[in-house]
Amino acid sequence: MELKRRVGDRVCLLLILGHIATAVTLSGSNNTVSQNLECTNDFDKLMFCQFEAQNCTEYHLTVLDTDSMEVRCTFKQCDSGQCCCSLQMLIIYGCSHNATLWKGGESMGSKIINIIDSIKPKTPTITSVKESYGNFRVMWRTNIEGYFNEKLTANVTYHKKGDTEMVSEKVPRTTVDGFNYHEILGRHLEPSTTYVVSVKSFTNWSNRFSDSSNEVEFTTRKCRPNLIRCDIHNP
């Protein structure tokens, strides 16, 4: 990680100088079109960008990579009703990149994208939800490796199936056998009830959450009069 950071700092210094000059040449009336352009990265290889416009396929984006190669993607309509595109590129700690929005062959303006400020963690994957001494233990993969993984916290959200009222708990990084986990106390749950749980990763480097994980259902068992607690059952 430290080597990646040192190499990135040297490379980024050259890029930043180029970005300053580029930003000046693109500061015109069209630059207001790119102000709603937002880009995030997964701190691995993927940068995702979106903005509001009609006829998304008329637009494309170019980004100057850390090896001075220009990476390009064409926008398409995404589920959020905005225009979206994804780029595969080299992501290095501390770098900034000049992203230029184009309509046909005409530049619509540019925006400096800082890697740290735009980190959005990868979406985690819940691997299991198991009964654990009257509580339930949810385990998940962050889908991130290395130093950055150790800096993540999480937000665990659960609710009764079909209910809109949700409970969210911000939890520190706790691992077992390489998986992150969190236990929700059984006394906070109703007996004979199906719940839905999901997880988001969070980094304070950019103060961004990942998208929500897959949702997993679990059902609490019926309480027996001679038991102090209710058992938890996975269907």
C-alpha atoms as a PDB file:
ATOM      1  CA  MET A   1       0.000   0.000   0.000  1.00  0.00           C
ATOM      2  CA  GLU A   2       2.789   2.446   0.904  1.00  0.00           C
ATOM      3  CA  LEU A   3       4.619   1.707  -2.368  1.00  0.00           C
ATOM      4  CA  LYS A   4       1.406   2.253  -4.297  1.00  0.00           C
ATOM      5  CA  ARG A   5       0.922   5.537  -2.447  1.00  0.00           C
ATOM      6  CA  ARG A   6       4.476   6.822  -3.114  1.00  0.00           C
ATOM      7  CA  VAL A   7       4.355   5.910  -6.801  1.00  0.00           C
ATOM      8  CA  GLY A   8       0.895   7.436  -7.047  1.00  0.00           C
ATOM      9  CA  ASP A   9       2.043  10.719  -5.490  1.00  0.00           C
ATOM     10  CA  ARG A  10       4.795  11.129  -8.106  1.00  0.00           C
ATOM     11  CA  VAL A  11       2.517  10.249 -10.999  1.00  0.00           C
ATOM     12  CA  CYS A  12      -0.290  12.424  -9.701  1.00  0.00           C
ATOM     13  CA  LEU A  13       1.904  15.493  -9.343  1.00  0.00           C
ATOM     14  CA  LEU A  14       2.505  15.465 -13.109  1.00  0.00           C
ATOM     15  CA  LEU A  15      -1.168  14.854 -13.806  1.00  0.00           C
ATOM     16  CA  ILE A  16      -2.311  17.674 -11.548  1.00  0.00           C
ATOM     17  CA  LEU A  17      -0.122  20.165 -13.439  1.00  0.00           C
ATOM     18  CA  GLY A  18      -1.715  19.016 -16.677  1.00  0.00           C
ATOM     19  CA  HIS A  19      -5.163  19.208 -15.135  1.00  0.00           C
ATOM     20  CA  ILE A  20      -4.699  22.852 -14.155  1.00  0.00           C
ATOM     21  CA  ALA A  21      -3.917  23.835 -17.738  1.00  0.00           C
ATOM     22  CA  THR A  22      -6.774  21.743 -19.120  1.00  0.00           C
ATOM     23  CA  ALA A  23      -9.296  23.169 -16.687  1.00  0.00           C
ATOM     24  CA  VAL A  24      -8.403  26.715 -17.770  1.00  0.00           C
ATOM     25  CA  THR A  25      -8.914  25.975 -21.478  1.00  0.00           C
ATOM     26  CA  LEU A  26     -12.311  24.397 -20.783  1.00  0.00           C
ATOM     27  CA  SER A  27     -13.717  27.159 -18.586  1.00  0.00           C
ATOM     28  CA  GLY A  28     -16.494  28.376 -20.863  1.00  0.00           C
ATOM     29  CA  SER A  29     -20.275  28.524 -20.963  1.00  0.00           C
ATOM     30  CA  ASN A  30     -20.509  24.829 -21.828  1.00  0.00           C
ATOM     31  CA  ASN A  31     -18.718  23.934 -18.599  1.00  0.00           C
ATOM     32  CA  THR A  32     -21.967  24.469 -16.675  1.00  0.00           C
ATOM     33  CA  VAL A  33     -23.330  21.352 -18.397  1.00  0.00           C
ATOM     34  CA  SER A  34     -20.741  19.181 -16.632  1.00  0.00           C
ATOM     35  CA  GLN A  35     -21.379  20.594 -13.157  1.00  0.00           C
ATOM     36  CA  ASN A  36     -23.874  17.819 -12.359  1.00  0.00           C
ATOM     37  CA  LEU A  37     -21.375  15.160 -13.467  1.00  0.00           C
ATOM     38  CA  GLU A  38     -20.566  12.869 -10.534  1.00  0.00           C
ATOM     39  CA  CYS A  39     -17.962  10.108 -10.580  1.00  0.00           C
ATOM     40  CA  THR A  40     -17.141   7.513  -7.947  1.00  0.00           C
ATOM     41  CA  ASN A  41     -14.552   4.732  -7.805  1.00  0.00           C
ATOM     42  CA  ASP A  42     -14.311   1.378  -6.018  1.00  0.00           C
ATOM     43  CA  PHE A  43     -10.612   1.909  -5.100  1.00  0.00           C
ATOM     44  CA  ASP A  44      -9.730  -1.015  -7.338  1.00  0.00           C
ATOM     45  CA  LYS A  45     -10.245  -0.720 -11.104  1.00  0.00           C
ATOM     46  CA  LEU A  46     -13.683   0.761 -11.710  1.00  0.00           C
ATOM     47  CA  MET A  47     -14.824   4.373 -12.040  1.00  0.00           C
ATOM     48  CA  PHE A  48     -18.563   5.014 -12.430  1.00  0.00           C
ATOM     49  CA  CYS A  49     -19.913   8.357 -13.702  1.00  0.00           C
ATOM     50  CA  GLN A  50     -23.412   9.769 -14.166  1.00  0.00           C
ATOM     51  CA  PHE A  51     -25.155  13.028 -15.003  1.00  0.00           C
ATOM     52  CA  GLU A  52     -28.585  14.325 -16.034  1.00  0.00           C
ATOM     53  CA  ALA A  53     -29.357  14.689 -19.722  1.00  0.00           C
ATOM     54  CA  GLN A  54     -31.669  13.525 -22.482  1.00  0.00           C
ATOM     55  CA  ASN A  55     -30.525  11.245 -25.310  1.00  0.00           C
ATOM     56  CA  CYS A  56     -27.711   9.732 -23.235  1.00  0.00           C
ATOM     57  CA  THR A  57     -25.996   7.999 -26.171  1.00  0.00           C
ATOM     58  CA  GLU A  58     -25.114  11.401 -27.661  1.00  0.00           C
ATOM     59  CA  TYR A  59     -22.601  11.871 -24.825  1.00  0.00           C
ATOM     60  CA  HIS A  60     -19.316  10.250 -23.941  1.00  0.00           C
ATOM     61  CA  LEU A  61     -16.632  10.796 -21.298  1.00  0.00           C
ATOM     62  CA  THR A  62     -12.849  10.789 -21.486  1.00  0.00           C
ATOM     63  CA  VAL A  63     -10.612  10.458 -18.421  1.00  0.00           C
ATOM     64  CA  LEU A  64      -6.833  10.810 -18.346  1.00  0.00           C
ATOM     65  CA  ASP A  65      -5.454   7.721 -16.588  1.00  0.00           C
ATOM     66  CA  THR A  66      -2.358   7.710 -14.346  1.00  0.00           C
ATOM     67  CA  ASP A  67      -0.226   6.349 -17.190  1.00  0.00           C
ATOM     68  CA  SER A  68      -1.326   9.317 -19.360  1.00  0.00           C
ATOM     69  CA  MET A  69      -3.624   7.080 -21.402  1.00  0.00           C
ATOM     70  CA  GLU A  70      -7.064   8.424 -22.261  1.00  0.00           C
ATOM     71  CA  VAL A  71      -9.908   6.155 -21.162  1.00  0.00           C
ATOM     72  CA  ARG A  72     -13.308   6.590 -22.804  1.00  0.00           C
ATOM     73  CA  CYS A  73     -16.874   5.437 -22.169  1.00  0.00           C
ATOM     74  CA  THR A  74     -20.228   6.144 -23.829  1.00  0.00           C
ATOM     75  CA  PHE A  75     -23.231   7.011 -21.673  1.00  0.00           C
ATOM     76  CA  LYS A  76     -26.457   5.040 -21.578  1.00  0.00           C
ATOM     77  CA  GLN A  77     -29.701   5.400 -19.646  1.00  0.00           C
ATOM     78  CA  CYS A  78     -29.484   3.864 -16.162  1.00  0.00           C
ATOM     79  CA  ASP A  79     -32.153   2.808 -13.672  1.00  0.00           C
ATOM     80  CA  SER A  80     -32.009   6.092 -11.778  1.00  0.00           C
ATOM     81  CA  GLY A  81     -33.197   7.989 -14.865  1.00  0.00           C
ATOM     82  CA  GLN A  82     -29.767   9.496 -15.398  1.00  0.00           C
ATOM     83  CA  CYS A  83     -27.016   8.873 -17.943  1.00  0.00           C
ATOM     84  CA  CYS A  84     -24.344   6.421 -16.717  1.00  0.00           C
ATOM     85  CA  CYS A  85     -21.051   4.946 -17.872  1.00  0.00           C
ATOM     86  CA  SER A  86     -18.253   2.846 -16.336  1.00  0.00           C
ATOM     87  CA  LEU A  87     -14.514   2.954 -16.969  1.00  0.00           C
ATOM     88  CA  GLN A  88     -11.855   0.365 -16.194  1.00  0.00           C
ATOM     89  CA  MET A  89      -8.704   2.209 -15.139  1.00  0.00           C
ATOM     90  CA  LEU A  90      -5.769   2.262 -12.739  1.00  0.00           C
ATOM     91  CA  ILE A  91      -6.898   3.594  -9.338  1.00  0.00           C
ATOM     92  CA  ILE A  92      -4.074   5.029  -7.180  1.00  0.00           C
ATOM     93  CA  TYR A  93      -4.327   6.625  -3.743  1.00  0.00           C
ATOM     94  CA  GLY A  94      -3.949  10.423  -3.833  1.00  0.00           C
ATOM     95  CA  CYS A  95      -4.490  10.882  -7.562  1.00  0.00           C
ATOM     96  CA  SER A  96      -6.821  13.303  -9.310  1.00  0.00           C
ATOM     97  CA  HIS A  97      -8.105  12.831 -12.847  1.00  0.00           C
ATOM     98  CA  ASN A  98      -9.442  15.220 -15.444  1.00  0.00           C
ATOM     99  CA  ALA A  99     -12.815  13.982 -16.726  1.00  0.00           C
ATOM    100  CA  THR A 100     -14.113  15.677 -19.886  1.00  0.00           C
ATOM    101  CA  LEU A 101     -17.716  15.416 -21.027  1.00  0.00           C
ATOM    102  CA  TRP A 102     -18.365  15.396 -24.790  1.00  0.00           C
ATOM    103  CA  LYS A 103     -21.444  15.677 -26.971  1.00  0.00           C
ATOM    104  CA  GLY A 104     -20.406  14.338 -30.321  1.00  0.00           C
ATOM    105  CA  GLY A 105     -17.101  16.052 -31.029  1.00  0.00           C
ATOM    106  CA  GLU A 106     -17.830  19.119 -28.866  1.00  0.00           C
ATOM    107  CA  SER A 107     -16.453  19.450 -25.346  1.00  0.00           C
ATOM    108  CA  MET A 108     -19.140  20.265 -22.789  1.00  0.00           C
ATOM    109  CA  GLY A 109     -16.638  20.986 -20.020  1.00  0.00           C
ATOM    110  CA  SER A 110     -14.398  19.131 -17.603  1.00  0.00           C
ATOM    111  CA  LYS A 111     -14.211  18.297 -13.942  1.00  0.00           C
ATOM    112  CA  ILE A 112     -11.354  17.245 -11.656  1.00  0.00           C
ATOM    113  CA  ILE A 113     -12.121  13.913  -9.958  1.00  0.00           C
ATOM    114  CA  ASN A 114     -10.141  13.265  -6.773  1.00  0.00           C
ATOM    115  CA  ILE A 115      -9.697   9.545  -6.054  1.00  0.00           C
ATOM    116  CA  ILE A 116      -9.979   9.759  -2.251  1.00  0.00           C
ATOM    117  CA  ASP A 117     -12.984  12.094  -2.263  1.00  0.00           C
ATOM    118  CA  SER A 118     -14.844   9.909  -4.764  1.00  0.00           C
ATOM    119  CA  ILE A 119     -14.310   6.448  -3.208  1.00  0.00           C
ATOM    120  CA  LYS A 120     -17.515   4.430  -2.993  1.00  0.00           C
ATOM    121  CA  PRO A 121     -16.832   0.983  -1.490  1.00  0.00           C
ATOM    122  CA  LYS A 122     -17.779  -2.133  -3.405  1.00  0.00           C
ATOM    123  CA  THR A 123     -21.174  -3.618  -2.587  1.00  0.00           C
ATOM    124  CA  PRO A 124     -20.789  -6.267   0.155  1.00  0.00           C
ATOM    125  CA  THR A 125     -22.267  -9.777  -0.097  1.00  0.00           C
ATOM    126  CA  ILE A 126     -24.074 -11.449   2.807  1.00  0.00           C
ATOM    127  CA  THR A 127     -22.900 -15.049   3.025  1.00  0.00           C
ATOM    128  CA  SER A 128     -25.018 -16.361   5.917  1.00  0.00           C
ATOM    129  CA  VAL A 129     -27.415 -15.506   8.724  1.00  0.00           C
ATOM    130  CA  LYS A 130     -27.214 -18.008  11.581  1.00  0.00           C
ATOM    131  CA  GLU A 131     -28.626 -18.438  15.064  1.00  0.00           C
ATOM    132  CA  SER A 132     -26.075 -17.627  17.736  1.00  0.00           C
ATOM    133  CA  TYR A 133     -27.117 -18.109  21.381  1.00  0.00           C
ATOM    134  CA  GLY A 134     -30.520 -16.528  20.881  1.00  0.00           C
ATOM    135  CA  ASN A 135     -29.218 -13.761  18.651  1.00  0.00           C
ATOM    136  CA  PHE A 136     -28.639 -13.885  14.907  1.00  0.00           C
ATOM    137  CA  ARG A 137     -25.231 -13.480  13.356  1.00  0.00           C
ATOM    138  CA  VAL A 138     -25.056 -11.945   9.886  1.00  0.00           C
ATOM    139  CA  MET A 139     -21.790 -12.579   8.027  1.00  0.00           C
ATOM    140  CA  TRP A 140     -20.653 -10.863   4.840  1.00  0.00           C
ATOM    141  CA  ARG A 141     -17.778 -10.310   2.437  1.00  0.00           C
ATOM    142  CA  THR A 142     -16.738  -6.722   1.768  1.00  0.00           C
ATOM    143  CA  ASN A 143     -15.407  -7.803  -1.675  1.00  0.00           C
ATOM    144  CA  ILE A 144     -12.393  -5.579  -0.999  1.00  0.00           C
ATOM    145  CA  GLU A 145      -8.860  -6.740  -0.270  1.00  0.00           C
ATOM    146  CA  GLY A 146      -5.833  -5.158   1.368  1.00  0.00           C
ATOM    147  CA  TYR A 147      -5.305  -2.134   3.575  1.00  0.00           C
ATOM    148  CA  PHE A 148      -8.472  -0.300   2.524  1.00  0.00           C
ATOM    149  CA  ASN A 149     -10.618  -3.219   3.726  1.00  0.00           C
ATOM    150  CA  GLU A 150      -9.331  -2.697   7.268  1.00  0.00           C
ATOM    151  CA  LYS A 151     -10.567   0.906   7.225  1.00  0.00           C
ATOM    152  CA  LEU A 152     -14.202   0.042   6.520  1.00  0.00           C
ATOM    153  CA  THR A 153     -17.068   0.093   8.970  1.00  0.00           C
ATOM    154  CA  ALA A 154     -20.598  -1.075   8.164  1.00  0.00           C
ATOM    155  CA  ASN A 155     -24.251  -0.253   8.486  1.00  0.00           C
ATOM    156  CA  VAL A 156     -26.546  -3.230   9.179  1.00  0.00           C
ATOM    157  CA  THR A 157     -30.240  -2.652   8.439  1.00  0.00           C
ATOM    158  CA  TYR A 158     -33.096  -5.020   9.269  1.00  0.00           C
ATOM    159  CA  HIS A 159     -36.881  -4.893   9.289  1.00  0.00           C
ATOM    160  CA  LYS A 160     -39.909  -7.145   9.451  1.00  0.00           C
ATOM    161  CA  LYS A 161     -40.747  -8.490   6.008  1.00  0.00           C
ATOM    162  CA  GLY A 162     -43.348  -6.259   4.401  1.00  0.00           C
ATOM    163  CA  ASP A 163     -42.806  -3.488   6.952  1.00  0.00           C
ATOM    164  CA  THR A 164     -41.350  -0.102   6.005  1.00  0.00           C
ATOM    165  CA  GLU A 165     -40.028   0.689   9.497  1.00  0.00           C
ATOM    166  CA  MET A 166     -36.334  -0.197   9.586  1.00  0.00           C
ATOM    167  CA  VAL A 167     -33.657  -0.471  12.252  1.00  0.00           C
ATOM    168  CA  SER A 168     -30.107   0.523  11.286  1.00  0.00           C
ATOM    169  CA  GLU A 169     -26.994  -0.100  13.342  1.00  0.00           C
ATOM    170  CA  LYS A 170     -23.564   1.351  12.589  1.00  0.00           C
ATOM    171  CA  VAL A 171     -21.019  -1.322  13.482  1.00  0.00           C
ATOM    172  CA  PRO A 172     -17.196  -1.424  13.650  1.00  0.00           C
ATOM    173  CA  ARG A 173     -15.165  -3.896  11.656  1.00  0.00           C
ATOM    174  CA  THR A 174     -15.342  -7.317  13.368  1.00  0.00           C
ATOM    175  CA  THR A 175     -14.122 -10.441  11.620  1.00  0.00           C
ATOM    176  CA  VAL A 176     -14.112 -14.204  12.032  1.00  0.00           C
ATOM    177  CA  ASP A 177     -12.546 -16.632   9.536  1.00  0.00           C
ATOM    178  CA  GLY A 178     -11.966 -13.734   7.153  1.00  0.00           C
ATOM    179  CA  PHE A 179     -15.618 -12.615   7.094  1.00  0.00           C
ATOM    180  CA  ASN A 180     -17.131  -9.514   8.656  1.00  0.00           C
ATOM    181  CA  TYR A 181     -19.972 -10.162  11.079  1.00  0.00           C
ATOM    182  CA  HIS A 182     -22.462  -8.548  13.440  1.00  0.00           C
ATOM    183  CA  GLU A 183     -24.962 -10.027  15.894  1.00  0.00           C
ATOM    184  CA  ILE A 184     -28.409  -8.542  16.429  1.00  0.00           C
ATOM    185  CA  LEU A 185     -29.826  -9.307  19.852  1.00  0.00           C
ATOM    186  CA  GLY A 186     -32.727 -11.730  19.875  1.00  0.00           C
ATOM    187  CA  ARG A 187     -34.557  -9.681  22.478  1.00  0.00           C
ATOM    188  CA  HIS A 188     -34.936  -6.947  19.875  1.00  0.00           C
ATOM    189  CA  LEU A 189     -36.887  -9.322  17.630  1.00  0.00           C
ATOM    190  CA  GLU A 190     -40.459 -10.579  17.721  1.00  0.00           C
ATOM    191  CA  PRO A 191     -41.128 -14.334  17.839  1.00  0.00           C
ATOM    192  CA  SER A 192     -42.492 -16.225  14.815  1.00  0.00           C
ATOM    193  CA  THR A 193     -41.600 -13.300  12.546  1.00  0.00           C
ATOM    194  CA  THR A 194     -39.723 -13.110   9.248  1.00  0.00           C
ATOM    195  CA  TYR A 195     -37.090 -10.379   8.997  1.00  0.00           C
ATOM    196  CA  VAL A 196     -35.008  -9.026   6.112  1.00  0.00           C
ATOM    197  CA  VAL A 197     -31.410  -7.887   6.647  1.00  0.00           C
ATOM    198  CA  SER A 198     -28.921  -6.032   4.424  1.00  0.00           C
ATOM    199  CA  VAL A 199     -25.482  -4.446   4.845  1.00  0.00           C
ATOM    200  CA  LYS A 200     -23.662  -1.377   3.521  1.00  0.00           C
ATOM    201  CA  SER A 201     -19.923  -0.695   3.782  1.00  0.00           C
ATOM    202  CA  PHE A 202     -18.765   2.785   4.817  1.00  0.00           C
ATOM    203  CA  THR A 203     -15.459   4.641   4.542  1.00  0.00           C
ATOM    204  CA  ASN A 204     -14.658   7.885   6.335  1.00  0.00           C
ATOM    205  CA  TRP A 205     -12.031   8.606   3.665  1.00  0.00           C
ATOM    206  CA  SER A 206     -14.818   9.941   1.452  1.00  0.00           C
ATOM    207  CA  ASN A 207     -17.782   9.695   3.867  1.00  0.00           C
ATOM    208  CA  ARG A 208     -19.594   7.460   1.377  1.00  0.00           C
ATOM    209  CA  PHE A 209     -21.609   4.280   1.733  1.00  0.00           C
ATOM    210  CA  SER A 210     -21.586   1.417  -0.708  1.00  0.00           C
ATOM    211  CA  ASP A 211     -24.798   0.244  -2.309  1.00  0.00           C
ATOM    212  CA  SER A 212     -26.832  -2.140  -0.157  1.00  0.00           C
ATOM    213  CA  SER A 213     -25.941  -5.819  -0.210  1.00  0.00           C
ATOM    214  CA  ASN A 214     -28.278  -8.577  -1.238  1.00  0.00           C
ATOM    215  CA  GLU A 215     -31.193  -8.943   1.177  1.00  0.00           C
ATOM    216  CA  VAL A 216     -31.430 -12.135   3.244  1.00  0.00           C
ATOM    217  CA  GLU A 217     -34.507 -13.364   5.098  1.00  0.00           C
ATOM    218  CA  PHE A 218     -34.562 -15.196   8.421  1.00  0.00           C
ATOM    219  CA  THR A 219     -37.417 -16.270  10.667  1.00  0.00           C
ATOM    220  CA  THR A 220     -37.534 -16.277  14.458  1.00  0.00           C
ATOM    221  CA  ARG A 221     -38.977 -19.308  16.216  1.00  0.00           C
ATOM    222  CA  LYS A 222     -42.017 -19.365  18.412  1.00  0.00           C
ATOM    223  CA  CYS A 223     -41.298 -18.685  22.086  1.00  0.00           C
ATOM    224  CA  ARG A 224     -42.049 -21.504  24.498  1.00  0.00           C
ATOM    225  CA  PRO A 225     -43.303 -20.628  28.005  1.00  0.00           C
ATOM    226  CA  ASN A 226     -40.451 -22.544  29.671  1.00  0.00           C
ATOM    227  CA  LEU A 227     -37.743 -20.681  27.721  1.00  0.00           C
ATOM    228  CA  ILE A 228     -36.314 -17.327  28.700  1.00  0.00           C
ATOM    229  CA  ARG A 229     -35.440 -16.484  25.110  1.00  0.00           C
ATOM    230  CA  CYS A 230     -36.590 -17.315  21.595  1.00  0.00           C
ATOM    231  CA  ASP A 231     -34.495 -19.391  19.242  1.00  0.00           C
ATOM    232  CA  ILE A 232     -33.757 -18.176  15.765  1.00  0.00           C
ATOM    233  CA  HIS A 233     -34.296 -20.297  12.686  1.00  0.00           C
ATOM    234  CA  ASN A 234     -33.027 -19.879   9.116  1.00  0.00           C
ATOM    235  CA  PRO A 235     -35.549 -21.129   6.544  1.00  0.00           C
END
